[in-house]
Amino acid sequence: FADVVRQGKALYIGVSEWSATQIRAGWEMAQDL
């Protein structure tokens, strides 16, 4: 996803039907990236 954003193919990322725990884990990695 980070590479897709950096290539300019998507401006933002998100998820669908993820649990709260999964959202937090993905969000934390997104912050690092």
All heavy atoms as atom14 arrays in JSON, in Angstrom:
{
  "sequence": "FADVVRQGKALYIGVSEWSATQIRAGWEMAQDL",
  "atom14_mask": [
    [1, 1, 1, 1, 1, 1, 1, 1, 1, 1, 1, 0, 0, 0],
    [1, 1, 1, 1, 1, 0, 0, 0, 0, 0, 0, 0, 0, 0],
    [1, 1, 1, 1, 1, 1, 1, 1, 0, 0, 0, 0, 0, 0],
    [1, 1, 1, 1, 1, 1, 1, 0, 0, 0, 0, 0, 0, 0],
    [1, 1, 1, 1, 1, 1, 1, 0, 0, 0, 0, 0, 0, 0],
    [1, 1, 1, 1, 1, 1, 1, 1, 1, 1, 1, 0, 0, 0],
    [1, 1, 1, 1, 1, 1, 1, 1, 1, 0, 0, 0, 0, 0],
    [1, 1, 1, 1, 0, 0, 0, 0, 0, 0, 0, 0, 0, 0],
    [1, 1, 1, 1, 1, 1, 1, 1, 1, 0, 0, 0, 0, 0],
    [1, 1, 1, 1, 1, 0, 0, 0, 0, 0, 0, 0, 0, 0],
    [1, 1, 1, 1, 1, 1, 1, 1, 0, 0, 0, 0, 0, 0],
    [1, 1, 1, 1, 1, 1, 1, 1, 1, 1, 1, 1, 0, 0],
    [1, 1, 1, 1, 1, 1, 1, 1, 0, 0, 0, 0, 0, 0],
    [1, 1, 1, 1, 0, 0, 0, 0, 0, 0, 0, 0, 0, 0],
    [1, 1, 1, 1, 1, 1, 1, 0, 0, 0, 0, 0, 0, 0],
    [1, 1, 1, 1, 1, 1, 0, 0, 0, 0, 0, 0, 0, 0],
    [1, 1, 1, 1, 1, 1, 1, 1, 1, 0, 0, 0, 0, 0],
    [1, 1, 1, 1, 1, 1, 1, 1, 1, 1, 1, 1, 1, 1],
    [1, 1, 1, 1, 1, 1, 0, 0, 0, 0, 0, 0, 0, 0],
    [1, 1, 1, 1, 1, 0, 0, 0, 0, 0, 0, 0, 0, 0],
    [1, 1, 1, 1, 1, 1, 1, 0, 0, 0, 0, 0, 0, 0],
    [1, 1, 1, 1, 1, 1, 1, 1, 1, 0, 0, 0, 0, 0],
    [1, 1, 1, 1, 1, 1, 1, 1, 0, 0, 0, 0, 0, 0],
    [1, 1, 1, 1, 1, 1, 1, 1, 1, 1, 1, 0, 0, 0],
    [1, 1, 1, 1, 1, 0, 0, 0, 0, 0, 0, 0, 0, 0],
    [1, 1, 1, 1, 0, 0, 0, 0, 0, 0, 0, 0, 0, 0],
    [1, 1, 1, 1, 1, 1, 1, 1, 1, 1, 1, 1, 1, 1],
    [1, 1, 1, 1, 1, 1, 1, 1, 1, 0, 0, 0, 0, 0],
    [1, 1, 1, 1, 1, 1, 1, 1, 0, 0, 0, 0, 0, 0],
    [1, 1, 1, 1, 1, 0, 0, 0, 0, 0, 0, 0, 0, 0],
    [1, 1, 1, 1, 1, 1, 1, 1, 1, 0, 0, 0, 0, 0],
    [1, 1, 1, 1, 1, 1, 1, 1, 0, 0, 0, 0, 0, 0],
    [1, 1, 1, 1, 1, 1, 1, 1, 0, 0, 0, 0, 0, 0]
  ],
  "atom14_positions": [
    [[0.84, -1.21, 0.0], [0.0, 0.0, 0.0], [0.87, 1.26, 0.0], [0.55, 2.25, -0.67], [-0.92, 0.01, 1.21], [-2.19, -0.77, 1.04], [-2.71, -1.54, 2.06], [-2.9, -0.72, -0.15], [-3.89, -2.24, 1.91], [-4.09, -1.42, -0.32], [-4.58, -2.19, 0.72], [0.0, 0.0, 0.0], [0.0, 0.0, 0.0], [0.0, 0.0, 0.0]],
    [[1.95, 1.22, 0.77], [2.84, 2.38, 0.82], [3.43, 2.66, -0.57], [3.54, 3.82, -0.99], [3.95, 2.14, 1.83], [0.0, 0.0, 0.0], [0.0, 0.0, 0.0], [0.0, 0.0, 0.0], [0.0, 0.0, 0.0], [0.0, 0.0, 0.0], [0.0, 0.0, 0.0], [0.0, 0.0, 0.0], [0.0, 0.0, 0.0], [0.0, 0.0, 0.0]],
    [[3.79, 1.6, -1.29], [4.35, 1.79, -2.63], [3.29, 2.34, -3.6], [3.59, 3.17, -4.45], [4.93, 0.48, -3.14], [6.21, 0.1, -2.41], [6.81, 0.98, -1.76], [6.6, -1.09, -2.46], [0.0, 0.0, 0.0], [0.0, 0.0, 0.0], [0.0, 0.0, 0.0], [0.0, 0.0, 0.0], [0.0, 0.0, 0.0], [0.0, 0.0, 0.0]],
    [[2.05, 1.86, -3.46], [0.97, 2.38, -4.29], [0.78, 3.88, -4.05], [0.62, 4.66, -4.99], [-0.35, 1.61, -4.0], [-1.55, 2.33, -4.61], [-0.25, 0.18, -4.54], [0.0, 0.0, 0.0], [0.0, 0.0, 0.0], [0.0, 0.0, 0.0], [0.0, 0.0, 0.0], [0.0, 0.0, 0.0], [0.0, 0.0, 0.0], [0.0, 0.0, 0.0]],
    [[0.83, 4.28, -2.79], [0.69, 5.7, -2.46], [1.87, 6.49, -3.01], [1.7, 7.56, -3.63], [0.57, 5.9, -0.93], [0.67, 7.38, -0.56], [-0.74, 5.32, -0.42], [0.0, 0.0, 0.0], [0.0, 0.0, 0.0], [0.0, 0.0, 0.0], [0.0, 0.0, 0.0], [0.0, 0.0, 0.0], [0.0, 0.0, 0.0], [0.0, 0.0, 0.0]],
    [[3.07, 6.01, -2.82], [4.26, 6.75, -3.27], [4.37, 6.82, -4.78], [4.98, 7.74, -5.31], [5.51, 6.12, -2.65], [5.56, 6.38, -1.14], [6.75, 5.8, -0.44], [6.66, 6.07, 0.99], [6.77, 5.17, 1.94], [6.99, 3.9, 1.63], [6.68, 5.51, 3.22], [0.0, 0.0, 0.0], [0.0, 0.0, 0.0], [0.0, 0.0, 0.0]],
    [[3.76, 5.86, -5.47], [3.72, 5.92, -6.92], [2.63, 6.85, -7.44], [2.5, 7.06, -8.65], [3.49, 4.51, -7.49], [4.69, 3.58, -7.3], [4.36, 2.13, -7.64], [3.28, 1.82, -8.14], [5.28, 1.23, -7.35], [0.0, 0.0, 0.0], [0.0, 0.0, 0.0], [0.0, 0.0, 0.0], [0.0, 0.0, 0.0], [0.0, 0.0, 0.0]],
    [[1.85, 7.43, -6.52], [0.81, 8.36, -6.91], [-0.46, 7.71, -7.43], [-1.33, 8.39, -7.98], [0.0, 0.0, 0.0], [0.0, 0.0, 0.0], [0.0, 0.0, 0.0], [0.0, 0.0, 0.0], [0.0, 0.0, 0.0], [0.0, 0.0, 0.0], [0.0, 0.0, 0.0], [0.0, 0.0, 0.0], [0.0, 0.0, 0.0], [0.0, 0.0, 0.0]],
    [[-0.59, 6.4, -7.22], [-1.77, 5.69, -7.73], [-2.94, 5.73, -6.75], [-4.07, 5.45, -7.13], [-1.4, 4.25, -8.08], [-0.37, 4.16, -9.2], [0.04, 2.73, -9.48], [1.08, 2.67, -10.61], [1.5, 1.28, -10.88], [0.0, 0.0, 0.0], [0.0, 0.0, 0.0], [0.0, 0.0, 0.0], [0.0, 0.0, 0.0], [0.0, 0.0, 0.0]],
    [[-2.68, 6.05, -5.5], [-3.72, 6.25, -4.49], [-3.25, 7.34, -3.55], [-2.06, 7.44, -3.24], [-4.0, 4.96, -3.72], [0.0, 0.0, 0.0], [0.0, 0.0, 0.0], [0.0, 0.0, 0.0], [0.0, 0.0, 0.0], [0.0, 0.0, 0.0], [0.0, 0.0, 0.0], [0.0, 0.0, 0.0], [0.0, 0.0, 0.0], [0.0, 0.0, 0.0]],
    [[-4.18, 8.18, -3.1], [-3.82, 9.29, -2.22], [-3.9, 8.9, -0.75], [-3.12, 9.37, 0.07], [-4.72, 10.5, -2.5], [-4.75, 10.99, -3.95], [-5.59, 12.25, -4.04], [-3.34, 11.23, -4.47], [0.0, 0.0, 0.0], [0.0, 0.0, 0.0], [0.0, 0.0, 0.0], [0.0, 0.0, 0.0], [0.0, 0.0, 0.0], [0.0, 0.0, 0.0]],
    [[-4.86, 8.05, -0.42], [-5.07, 7.59, 0.95], [-5.35, 6.1, 0.92], [-5.77, 5.55, -0.11], [-6.28, 8.3, 1.59], [-6.18, 9.8, 1.65], [-6.56, 10.58, 0.56], [-5.73, 10.46, 2.8], [-6.48, 11.97, 0.6], [-5.66, 11.85, 2.85], [-6.03, 12.59, 1.75], [-5.96, 13.96, 1.81], [0.0, 0.0, 0.0], [0.0, 0.0, 0.0]],
    [[-5.18, 5.44, 2.08], [-5.52, 4.04, 2.17], [-6.51, 3.82, 3.31], [-6.63, 4.64, 4.23], [-4.28, 3.14, 2.38], [-3.58, 3.47, 3.7], [-3.33, 3.25, 1.2], [-2.63, 2.38, 4.15], [0.0, 0.0, 0.0], [0.0, 0.0, 0.0], [0.0, 0.0, 0.0], [0.0, 0.0, 0.0], [0.0, 0.0, 0.0], [0.0, 0.0, 0.0]],
    [[-7.2, 2.71, 3.22], [-8.16, 2.35, 4.25], [-8.43, 0.86, 4.2], [-7.76, 0.11, 3.47], [0.0, 0.0, 0.0], [0.0, 0.0, 0.0], [0.0, 0.0, 0.0], [0.0, 0.0, 0.0], [0.0, 0.0, 0.0], [0.0, 0.0, 0.0], [0.0, 0.0, 0.0], [0.0, 0.0, 0.0], [0.0, 0.0, 0.0], [0.0, 0.0, 0.0]],
    [[-9.41, 0.44, 4.97], [-9.75, -0.98, 5.06], [-11.27, -1.12, 5.05], [-12.0, -0.14, 5.1], [-9.16, -1.62, 6.33], [-7.63, -1.52, 6.3], [-9.7, -0.97, 7.6], [0.0, 0.0, 0.0], [0.0, 0.0, 0.0], [0.0, 0.0, 0.0], [0.0, 0.0, 0.0], [0.0, 0.0, 0.0], [0.0, 0.0, 0.0], [0.0, 0.0, 0.0]],
    [[-11.73, -2.35, 5.02], [-13.16, -2.62, 5.05], [-13.44, -3.84, 5.9], [-12.83, -4.91, 5.68], [-13.69, -2.85, 3.62], [-15.07, -3.16, 3.64], [0.0, 0.0, 0.0], [0.0, 0.0, 0.0], [0.0, 0.0, 0.0], [0.0, 0.0, 0.0], [0.0, 0.0, 0.0], [0.0, 0.0, 0.0], [0.0, 0.0, 0.0], [0.0, 0.0, 0.0]],
    [[-14.32, -3.69, 6.87], [-14.73, -4.77, 7.75], [-13.56, -5.37, 8.54], [-13.52, -6.57, 8.78], [-15.47, -5.87, 6.96], [-16.83, -5.44, 6.44], [-17.92, -5.44, 7.51], [-17.6, -5.24, 8.7], [-19.09, -5.62, 7.16], [0.0, 0.0, 0.0], [0.0, 0.0, 0.0], [0.0, 0.0, 0.0], [0.0, 0.0, 0.0], [0.0, 0.0, 0.0]],
    [[-12.63, -4.53, 8.95], [-11.57, -4.98, 9.86], [-12.02, -4.78, 11.3], [-12.77, -3.85, 11.6], [-10.28, -4.18, 9.61], [-9.51, -4.61, 8.39], [-10.0, -5.2, 7.26], [-8.1, -4.46, 8.19], [-8.98, -5.41, 6.36], [-7.8, -4.98, 6.9], [-7.06, -3.93, 8.95], [-6.51, -4.99, 6.38], [-5.77, -3.93, 8.42], [-5.49, -4.46, 7.16]],
    [[-11.57, -5.65, 12.17], [-11.88, -5.51, 13.59], [-11.06, -4.36, 14.19], [-10.12, -3.85, 13.56], [-11.55, -6.8, 14.33], [-10.13, -6.98, 14.39], [0.0, 0.0, 0.0], [0.0, 0.0, 0.0], [0.0, 0.0, 0.0], [0.0, 0.0, 0.0], [0.0, 0.0, 0.0], [0.0, 0.0, 0.0], [0.0, 0.0, 0.0], [0.0, 0.0, 0.0]],
    [[-11.4, -3.98, 15.4], [-10.67, -2.89, 16.06], [-9.2, -3.23, 16.21], [-8.32, -2.39, 15.99], [-11.3, -2.6, 17.42], [0.0, 0.0, 0.0], [0.0, 0.0, 0.0], [0.0, 0.0, 0.0], [0.0, 0.0, 0.0], [0.0, 0.0, 0.0], [0.0, 0.0, 0.0], [0.0, 0.0, 0.0], [0.0, 0.0, 0.0], [0.0, 0.0, 0.0]],
    [[-8.89, -4.46, 16.59], [-7.5, -4.88, 16.75], [-6.75, -4.82, 15.44], [-5.6, -4.37, 15.37], [-7.45, -6.31, 17.32], [-8.1, -6.33, 18.6], [-6.01, -6.79, 17.49], [0.0, 0.0, 0.0], [0.0, 0.0, 0.0], [0.0, 0.0, 0.0], [0.0, 0.0, 0.0], [0.0, 0.0, 0.0], [0.0, 0.0, 0.0], [0.0, 0.0, 0.0]],
    [[-7.38, -5.26, 14.36], [-6.74, -5.24, 13.04], [-6.54, -3.81, 12.55], [-5.49, -3.48, 11.97], [-7.61, -6.03, 12.06], [-7.64, -7.52, 12.36], [-8.81, -8.24, 11.69], [-9.7, -7.61, 11.1], [-8.82, -9.56, 11.79], [0.0, 0.0, 0.0], [0.0, 0.0, 0.0], [0.0, 0.0, 0.0], [0.0, 0.0, 0.0], [0.0, 0.0, 0.0]],
    [[-7.52, -2.95, 12.79], [-7.38, -1.55, 12.4], [-6.19, -0.91, 13.11], [-5.38, -0.21, 12.49], [-8.68, -0.77, 12.72], [-9.79, -1.19, 11.75], [-8.45, 0.74, 12.63], [-11.17, -0.65, 12.12], [0.0, 0.0, 0.0], [0.0, 0.0, 0.0], [0.0, 0.0, 0.0], [0.0, 0.0, 0.0], [0.0, 0.0, 0.0], [0.0, 0.0, 0.0]],
    [[-6.07, -1.16, 14.4], [-4.96, -0.57, 15.15], [-3.62, -1.06, 14.63], [-2.68, -0.26, 14.45], [-5.09, -0.9, 16.64], [-4.02, -0.23, 17.5], [-4.19, -0.56, 18.97], [-5.45, -0.05, 19.51], [-5.63, 1.19, 19.91], [-4.65, 2.08, 19.82], [-6.8, 1.57, 20.4], [0.0, 0.0, 0.0], [0.0, 0.0, 0.0], [0.0, 0.0, 0.0]],
    [[-3.5, -2.35, 14.35], [-2.24, -2.9, 13.86], [-1.88, -2.29, 12.5], [-0.72, -1.91, 12.26], [-2.33, -4.42, 13.76], [0.0, 0.0, 0.0], [0.0, 0.0, 0.0], [0.0, 0.0, 0.0], [0.0, 0.0, 0.0], [0.0, 0.0, 0.0], [0.0, 0.0, 0.0], [0.0, 0.0, 0.0], [0.0, 0.0, 0.0], [0.0, 0.0, 0.0]],
    [[-2.85, -2.2, 11.61], [-2.59, -1.62, 10.3], [-2.25, -0.15, 10.39], [-1.35, 0.35, 9.7], [0.0, 0.0, 0.0], [0.0, 0.0, 0.0], [0.0, 0.0, 0.0], [0.0, 0.0, 0.0], [0.0, 0.0, 0.0], [0.0, 0.0, 0.0], [0.0, 0.0, 0.0], [0.0, 0.0, 0.0], [0.0, 0.0, 0.0], [0.0, 0.0, 0.0]],
    [[-2.97, 0.57, 11.24], [-2.73, 2.01, 11.41], [-1.32, 2.26, 11.95], [-0.62, 3.18, 11.49], [-3.77, 2.59, 12.36], [-3.65, 4.06, 12.59], [-4.23, 5.06, 11.87], [-2.9, 4.71, 13.64], [-3.89, 6.28, 12.39], [-3.08, 6.11, 13.47], [-2.11, 4.25, 14.68], [-2.48, 7.03, 14.32], [-1.52, 5.17, 15.53], [-1.71, 6.55, 15.35]],
    [[-0.88, 1.47, 12.91], [0.46, 1.65, 13.48], [1.54, 1.43, 12.42], [2.53, 2.18, 12.37], [0.65, 0.72, 14.67], [-0.17, 1.13, 15.89], [-0.08, 0.15, 17.04], [0.47, -0.97, 16.83], [-0.56, 0.48, 18.15], [0.0, 0.0, 0.0], [0.0, 0.0, 0.0], [0.0, 0.0, 0.0], [0.0, 0.0, 0.0], [0.0, 0.0, 0.0]],
    [[1.36, 0.41, 11.57], [2.33, 0.2, 10.5], [2.3, 1.35, 9.5], [3.35, 1.78, 8.99], [2.06, -1.12, 9.79], [2.43, -2.35, 10.6], [2.29, -3.85, 9.62], [2.58, -5.07, 10.9], [0.0, 0.0, 0.0], [0.0, 0.0, 0.0], [0.0, 0.0, 0.0], [0.0, 0.0, 0.0], [0.0, 0.0, 0.0], [0.0, 0.0, 0.0]],
    [[1.11, 1.85, 9.22], [1.0, 2.98, 8.3], [1.72, 4.2, 8.84], [2.33, 4.96, 8.07], [-0.47, 3.3, 8.04], [0.0, 0.0, 0.0], [0.0, 0.0, 0.0], [0.0, 0.0, 0.0], [0.0, 0.0, 0.0], [0.0, 0.0, 0.0], [0.0, 0.0, 0.0], [0.0, 0.0, 0.0], [0.0, 0.0, 0.0], [0.0, 0.0, 0.0]],
    [[1.67, 4.4, 10.16], [2.4, 5.53, 10.75], [3.89, 5.36, 10.55], [4.61, 6.32, 10.21], [2.08, 5.64, 12.25], [0.62, 5.86, 12.57], [-0.02, 6.95, 11.74], [0.32, 8.13, 11.86], [-0.96, 6.57, 10.87], [0.0, 0.0, 0.0], [0.0, 0.0, 0.0], [0.0, 0.0, 0.0], [0.0, 0.0, 0.0], [0.0, 0.0, 0.0]],
    [[4.39, 4.14, 10.74], [5.82, 3.89, 10.53], [6.22, 4.13, 9.08], [7.33, 4.6, 8.79], [6.16, 2.45, 10.93], [6.07, 2.23, 12.44], [6.1, 3.22, 13.2], [5.94, 1.05, 12.85], [0.0, 0.0, 0.0], [0.0, 0.0, 0.0], [0.0, 0.0, 0.0], [0.0, 0.0, 0.0], [0.0, 0.0, 0.0], [0.0, 0.0, 0.0]],
    [[5.31, 3.78, 8.16], [5.58, 3.94, 6.74], [5.26, 5.34, 6.23], [5.53, 5.66, 5.07], [4.74, 2.92, 5.95], [5.15, 1.45, 6.12], [4.04, 0.52, 5.65], [6.45, 1.16, 5.38], [0.0, 0.0, 0.0], [0.0, 0.0, 0.0], [0.0, 0.0, 0.0], [0.0, 0.0, 0.0], [0.0, 0.0, 0.0], [0.0, 0.0, 0.0]]
  ]
}
